[in-house]
Amino acid sequence: MTRLWPNGSKIDIEGDARCKIVSFTWQGRTHPIQKTHQRWQVDTDWWSEEGEAHREYFALTTTDGLLCVIYRDLLDDKWYLAKLYD
């Protein structure tokens, strides 16, 4: 089952000196990153304040086997969990 948060679920990110994501913390639990599979950006509806989205997405696998998609909202500079695959 895939869990999806259309507006994201707030997370905290830890990065290394090269700005590589090392882990994220969600609901009080830290998830170390094993591998980043993909990275992409979305820039949509820039003409509309209601629908505007500027995000940088990452598809990741954690060391405990979670496959997830996280993103950084480039408008508010906060991190969110978007999808979690079981």
C-alpha atoms as a PDB file:
ATOM      1  CA  MET A   1       0.000   0.000   0.000  1.00  0.00           C
ATOM      2  CA  THR A   2       1.267   3.479  -0.845  1.00  0.00           C
ATOM      3  CA  ARG A   3       0.643   6.340   1.546  1.00  0.00           C
ATOM      4  CA  LEU A   4       0.311   9.750  -0.067  1.00  0.00           C
ATOM      5  CA  TRP A   5       0.270  13.220   1.493  1.00  0.00           C
ATOM      6  CA  PRO A   6      -0.918  15.660  -1.220  1.00  0.00           C
ATOM      7  CA  ASN A   7       0.178  18.680   0.840  1.00  0.00           C
ATOM      8  CA  GLY A   8       3.162  16.903   2.380  1.00  0.00           C
ATOM      9  CA  SER A   9       3.902  15.807   5.937  1.00  0.00           C
ATOM     10  CA  LYS A  10       6.556  17.990   7.615  1.00  0.00           C
ATOM     11  CA  ILE A  11      10.000  16.404   8.072  1.00  0.00           C
ATOM     12  CA  ASP A  12      13.438  17.564   9.203  1.00  0.00           C
ATOM     13  CA  ILE A  13      16.502  16.896   7.053  1.00  0.00           C
ATOM     14  CA  GLU A  14      20.116  16.285   8.007  1.00  0.00           C
ATOM     15  CA  GLY A  15      22.727  16.866   5.312  1.00  0.00           C
ATOM     16  CA  ASP A  16      26.463  16.440   5.026  1.00  0.00           C
ATOM     17  CA  ALA A  17      29.106  19.025   4.093  1.00  0.00           C
ATOM     18  CA  ARG A  18      28.287  18.595   0.387  1.00  0.00           C
ATOM     19  CA  CYS A  19      24.547  19.215   1.003  1.00  0.00           C
ATOM     20  CA  LYS A  20      23.756  15.538   0.374  1.00  0.00           C
ATOM     21  CA  ILE A  21      20.745  14.267   2.359  1.00  0.00           C
ATOM     22  CA  VAL A  22      21.987  11.891   5.078  1.00  0.00           C
ATOM     23  CA  SER A  23      18.731  11.299   6.963  1.00  0.00           C
ATOM     24  CA  PHE A  24      15.283  12.680   7.629  1.00  0.00           C
ATOM     25  CA  THR A  25      13.204  12.728  10.803  1.00  0.00           C
ATOM     26  CA  TRP A  26       9.481  12.104  10.599  1.00  0.00           C
ATOM     27  CA  GLN A  27       7.080  11.649  13.523  1.00  0.00           C
ATOM     28  CA  GLY A  28       9.998  11.546  15.986  1.00  0.00           C
ATOM     29  CA  ARG A  29      11.910   8.799  14.175  1.00  0.00           C
ATOM     30  CA  THR A  30      15.130   9.327  12.210  1.00  0.00           C
ATOM     31  CA  HIS A  31      15.495   7.481   8.889  1.00  0.00           C
ATOM     32  CA  PRO A  32      19.080   7.261   7.543  1.00  0.00           C
ATOM     33  CA  ILE A  33      19.291   7.339   3.734  1.00  0.00           C
ATOM     34  CA  GLN A  34      20.767   4.344   1.955  1.00  0.00           C
ATOM     35  CA  LYS A  35      20.390   5.587  -1.625  1.00  0.00           C
ATOM     36  CA  THR A  36      18.993   8.487  -3.637  1.00  0.00           C
ATOM     37  CA  HIS A  37      17.387   7.051  -6.767  1.00  0.00           C
ATOM     38  CA  GLN A  38      16.160  10.161  -8.490  1.00  0.00           C
ATOM     39  CA  ARG A  39      16.048  13.942  -8.121  1.00  0.00           C
ATOM     40  CA  TRP A  40      13.841  16.386 -10.047  1.00  0.00           C
ATOM     41  CA  GLN A  41      12.265  19.826  -9.832  1.00  0.00           C
ATOM     42  CA  VAL A  42       8.713  21.001 -10.413  1.00  0.00           C
ATOM     43  CA  ASP A  43       7.869  24.593 -11.242  1.00  0.00           C
ATOM     44  CA  THR A  44       4.169  24.941 -12.041  1.00  0.00           C
ATOM     45  CA  ASP A  45       1.473  27.573 -12.160  1.00  0.00           C
ATOM     46  CA  TRP A  46       3.992  30.378 -11.662  1.00  0.00           C
ATOM     47  CA  TRP A  47       1.359  32.789 -12.981  1.00  0.00           C
ATOM     48  CA  SER A  48      -1.154  31.896 -10.233  1.00  0.00           C
ATOM     49  CA  GLU A  49      -0.558  32.521  -6.524  1.00  0.00           C
ATOM     50  CA  GLU A  50      -3.139  29.874  -5.519  1.00  0.00           C
ATOM     51  CA  GLY A  51      -1.617  27.071  -7.577  1.00  0.00           C
ATOM     52  CA  GLU A  52       2.032  28.035  -7.564  1.00  0.00           C
ATOM     53  CA  ALA A  53       4.469  25.202  -6.772  1.00  0.00           C
ATOM     54  CA  HIS A  54       8.265  25.308  -6.794  1.00  0.00           C
ATOM     55  CA  ARG A  55       9.619  22.041  -5.407  1.00  0.00           C
ATOM     56  CA  GLU A  56      12.716  19.864  -5.495  1.00  0.00           C
ATOM     57  CA  TYR A  57      11.852  16.152  -5.164  1.00  0.00           C
ATOM     58  CA  PHE A  58      13.976  13.168  -4.135  1.00  0.00           C
ATOM     59  CA  ALA A  59      13.119   9.459  -4.444  1.00  0.00           C
ATOM     60  CA  LEU A  60      15.022   7.695  -1.641  1.00  0.00           C
ATOM     61  CA  THR A  61      15.516   4.346   0.028  1.00  0.00           C
ATOM     62  CA  THR A  62      16.233   4.337   3.764  1.00  0.00           C
ATOM     63  CA  THR A  63      18.509   1.873   5.543  1.00  0.00           C
ATOM     64  CA  ASP A  64      15.426   0.190   7.032  1.00  0.00           C
ATOM     65  CA  GLY A  65      13.996  -0.455   3.543  1.00  0.00           C
ATOM     66  CA  LEU A  66      11.477   2.363   3.101  1.00  0.00           C
ATOM     67  CA  LEU A  67      11.065   3.722  -0.426  1.00  0.00           C
ATOM     68  CA  CYS A  68       9.809   7.276  -0.225  1.00  0.00           C
ATOM     69  CA  VAL A  69       9.515  10.573  -2.030  1.00  0.00           C
ATOM     70  CA  ILE A  70      10.396  13.732  -0.152  1.00  0.00           C
ATOM     71  CA  TYR A  71      10.548  17.322  -1.329  1.00  0.00           C
ATOM     72  CA  ARG A  72      11.804  20.753  -0.411  1.00  0.00           C
ATOM     73  CA  ASP A  73       9.276  23.500  -1.004  1.00  0.00           C
ATOM     74  CA  LEU A  74      11.367  26.225  -2.584  1.00  0.00           C
ATOM     75  CA  LEU A  75       8.784  28.875  -1.633  1.00  0.00           C
ATOM     76  CA  ASP A  76       8.853  28.268   2.141  1.00  0.00           C
ATOM     77  CA  ASP A  77      12.232  26.416   2.289  1.00  0.00           C
ATOM     78  CA  LYS A  78      10.750  23.536   4.324  1.00  0.00           C
ATOM     79  CA  TRP A  79      10.923  19.780   3.769  1.00  0.00           C
ATOM     80  CA  TYR A  80       8.003  17.372   3.395  1.00  0.00           C
ATOM     81  CA  LEU A  81       7.299  13.673   2.950  1.00  0.00           C
ATOM     82  CA  ALA A  82       5.079  13.203  -0.115  1.00  0.00           C
ATOM     83  CA  LYS A  83       4.871   9.405  -0.596  1.00  0.00           C
ATOM     84  CA  LEU A  84       5.778   6.288   1.327  1.00  0.00           C
ATOM     85  CA  TYR A  85       5.743   2.937  -0.490  1.00  0.00           C
ATOM     86  CA  ASP A  86       5.231  -0.322   1.411  1.00  0.00           C
END
